[in-house]
Amino acid sequence: MSSKYHSASHAKYLIQYHIIWCPKFRFSVLTGDIETKLKEILQNICVRYSIKALVKVSESSFTV
């Protein structure tokens, strides 16, 4: 995986964020239309700010 480092006058940096959705209760919250809309919003943010999403995992990938 190649990383794109940014440069400032006296520094090089790479910023990465790890976003975790933690609902208050252990039941599925992000399902159906809510999951679809949230994915759409996050994709739009990635496009707007030229962000590359490395991994996408939804609640439907897990069973509790």
Protein backbone atom coordinates (compact mmCIF):
# COMPACT_ATOMS: atom_id res chain seq x y z
CA MET A 1 0.00 0.00 0.00
CA SER A 2 1.50 3.31 -1.00
CA SER A 3 1.03 6.29 1.31
CA LYS A 4 0.84 9.85 0.12
CA TYR A 5 2.73 12.05 2.56
CA HIS A 6 1.99 15.77 2.65
CA SER A 7 4.73 18.35 3.07
CA ALA A 8 4.91 21.57 5.03
CA SER A 9 7.87 23.93 5.27
CA HIS A 10 9.70 21.78 7.85
CA ALA A 11 7.65 18.60 8.09
CA LYS A 12 6.20 15.64 6.24
CA TYR A 13 3.01 14.09 7.53
CA LEU A 14 0.35 11.49 6.83
CA ILE A 15 -2.98 11.80 8.61
CA GLN A 16 -5.21 8.74 8.94
CA TYR A 17 -8.52 8.48 10.80
CA HIS A 18 -10.16 5.39 12.24
CA ILE A 19 -13.91 5.90 12.64
CA ILE A 20 -15.89 3.55 14.88
CA TRP A 21 -19.65 3.71 15.31
CA CYS A 22 -20.60 2.64 18.86
CA PRO A 23 -24.34 2.55 19.48
CA LYS A 24 -25.56 2.79 23.07
CA PHE A 25 -27.31 -0.56 22.87
CA ARG A 26 -26.09 -3.77 21.20
CA PHE A 27 -28.84 -4.03 18.57
CA SER A 28 -28.53 -3.09 14.92
CA VAL A 29 -29.10 0.61 14.39
CA LEU A 30 -27.61 1.17 10.95
CA THR A 31 -29.95 -0.91 8.82
CA GLY A 32 -31.99 -0.35 5.68
CA ASP A 33 -32.39 3.28 4.63
CA ILE A 34 -30.25 4.59 7.50
CA GLU A 35 -27.26 2.45 6.49
CA THR A 36 -27.66 3.41 2.82
CA LYS A 37 -27.93 7.14 3.58
CA LEU A 38 -24.92 7.10 5.94
CA LYS A 39 -22.78 5.33 3.30
CA GLU A 40 -23.88 7.92 0.72
CA ILE A 41 -22.99 10.82 3.04
CA LEU A 42 -19.56 9.36 3.87
CA GLN A 43 -18.82 8.70 0.18
CA ASN A 44 -19.72 12.31 -0.67
CA ILE A 45 -17.38 13.58 2.06
CA CYS A 46 -14.58 11.38 0.70
CA VAL A 47 -15.09 12.74 -2.82
CA ARG A 48 -15.35 16.37 -1.65
CA TYR A 49 -12.10 16.27 0.33
CA SER A 50 -10.18 13.77 -1.86
CA ILE A 51 -10.11 11.18 0.91
CA LYS A 52 -9.47 7.53 0.20
CA ALA A 53 -11.46 5.08 2.35
CA LEU A 54 -9.18 2.12 3.02
CA VAL A 55 -11.73 -0.24 4.60
CA LYS A 56 -15.51 -0.11 4.78
CA VAL A 57 -17.36 -2.42 7.17
CA SER A 58 -21.03 -2.24 8.07
CA GLU A 59 -23.02 -3.65 10.98
CA SER A 60 -24.50 -6.26 8.66
CA SER A 61 -21.03 -7.85 8.53
CA PHE A 62 -21.26 -8.77 12.21
CA THR A 63 -23.65 -10.89 14.22
CA VAL A 64 -24.26 -10.20 17.89
